[in-house]
């Protein structure tokens, strides 16, 4: 039995969703078990950018500045 891992354990956050971002991985815990704030911040920013880019895309396709949809999203009314 060894006192230390032969291969140090590191943790990454994966934020990829499509071809452009499929390799987006950010290290958040290094091999010493230390949390890496910069990696977490970069992962959060990458995820926010993906959400922002996908804001105008929905089940029916592209919706630029859809005021009716924005109204219903901001109120607590559900479309059926």
Protein backbone atom coordinates (compact mmCIF):
# COMPACT_ATOMS: atom_id res chain seq x y z
CA UNK A 1 0.00 0.00 0.00
CA UNK A 2 1.29 3.45 -0.86
CA UNK A 3 0.79 6.59 1.19
CA UNK A 4 0.41 8.72 -1.92
CA UNK A 5 -1.53 8.22 -5.14
CA UNK A 6 0.70 7.08 -8.02
CA UNK A 7 -1.31 9.36 -10.32
CA UNK A 8 -2.38 12.60 -8.60
CA UNK A 9 -6.13 13.20 -8.68
CA UNK A 10 -7.26 16.44 -10.33
CA UNK A 11 -10.82 17.70 -10.82
CA UNK A 12 -12.11 19.49 -13.91
CA UNK A 13 -15.41 21.14 -14.82
CA UNK A 14 -16.64 20.35 -18.32
CA UNK A 15 -18.77 23.07 -19.93
CA UNK A 16 -18.80 21.94 -23.57
CA UNK A 17 -22.05 21.46 -25.42
CA UNK A 18 -21.32 21.59 -29.13
CA UNK A 19 -18.48 21.31 -31.65
CA UNK A 20 -16.93 24.63 -30.68
CA UNK A 21 -16.94 24.03 -26.94
CA UNK A 22 -16.61 20.24 -26.77
CA UNK A 23 -13.10 20.51 -25.30
CA UNK A 24 -13.91 23.17 -22.69
CA UNK A 25 -12.56 21.74 -19.44
CA UNK A 26 -11.38 23.84 -16.52
CA UNK A 27 -9.23 22.54 -13.66
CA UNK A 28 -10.84 23.41 -10.33
CA UNK A 29 -8.84 21.19 -7.92
CA UNK A 30 -5.14 20.51 -8.41
CA UNK A 31 -3.15 17.39 -7.53
CA UNK A 32 -2.58 18.69 -3.97
CA UNK A 33 -6.32 19.04 -3.35
CA UNK A 34 -6.26 22.83 -3.53
CA UNK A 35 -9.29 24.61 -5.01
CA UNK A 36 -8.44 26.78 -8.04
CA UNK A 37 -10.70 29.85 -8.03
CA UNK A 38 -9.48 31.03 -11.44
CA UNK A 39 -10.50 27.73 -13.06
CA UNK A 40 -13.95 27.94 -11.49
CA UNK A 41 -14.36 31.56 -12.62
CA UNK A 42 -13.37 30.68 -16.18
CA UNK A 43 -15.81 27.74 -16.21
CA UNK A 44 -18.63 29.95 -14.91
CA UNK A 45 -17.91 32.58 -17.55
CA UNK A 46 -17.80 29.96 -20.31
CA UNK A 47 -21.15 28.52 -19.20
CA UNK A 48 -22.68 32.01 -19.06
CA UNK A 49 -21.48 32.69 -22.60
CA UNK A 50 -23.09 29.45 -23.81
CA UNK A 51 -26.39 30.34 -22.12
CA UNK A 52 -26.24 33.85 -23.58
CA UNK A 53 -25.60 32.47 -27.08
CA UNK A 54 -28.48 30.00 -26.74
CA UNK A 55 -30.95 32.59 -25.42
CA UNK A 56 -32.40 33.25 -28.88
CA UNK A 57 -32.74 29.61 -29.83
CA UNK A 58 -35.67 27.49 -28.83
CA UNK A 59 -37.77 24.56 -29.94
CA UNK A 60 -38.97 26.46 -33.02
CA UNK A 61 -35.57 27.86 -33.97
CA UNK A 62 -34.16 31.37 -33.89
CA UNK A 63 -36.30 34.03 -32.18
CA UNK A 64 -34.72 37.49 -32.31
CA UNK A 65 -36.21 39.84 -29.70
CA UNK A 66 -39.43 37.92 -29.25
CA UNK A 67 -41.37 40.34 -27.01
CA UNK A 68 -44.28 37.97 -26.39
CA UNK A 69 -41.98 35.18 -25.25
CA UNK A 70 -40.00 37.62 -23.08
CA UNK A 71 -43.24 38.74 -21.43
CA UNK A 72 -44.24 35.18 -20.58
CA UNK A 73 -40.74 34.25 -19.39
CA UNK A 74 -40.65 37.24 -17.03
CA UNK A 75 -44.16 36.65 -15.69
CA UNK A 76 -44.91 33.36 -14.05
CA UNK A 77 -47.37 32.37 -16.75
CA UNK A 78 -46.95 29.12 -18.64
CA UNK A 79 -47.84 28.68 -22.29
CA UNK A 80 -49.79 25.49 -22.97
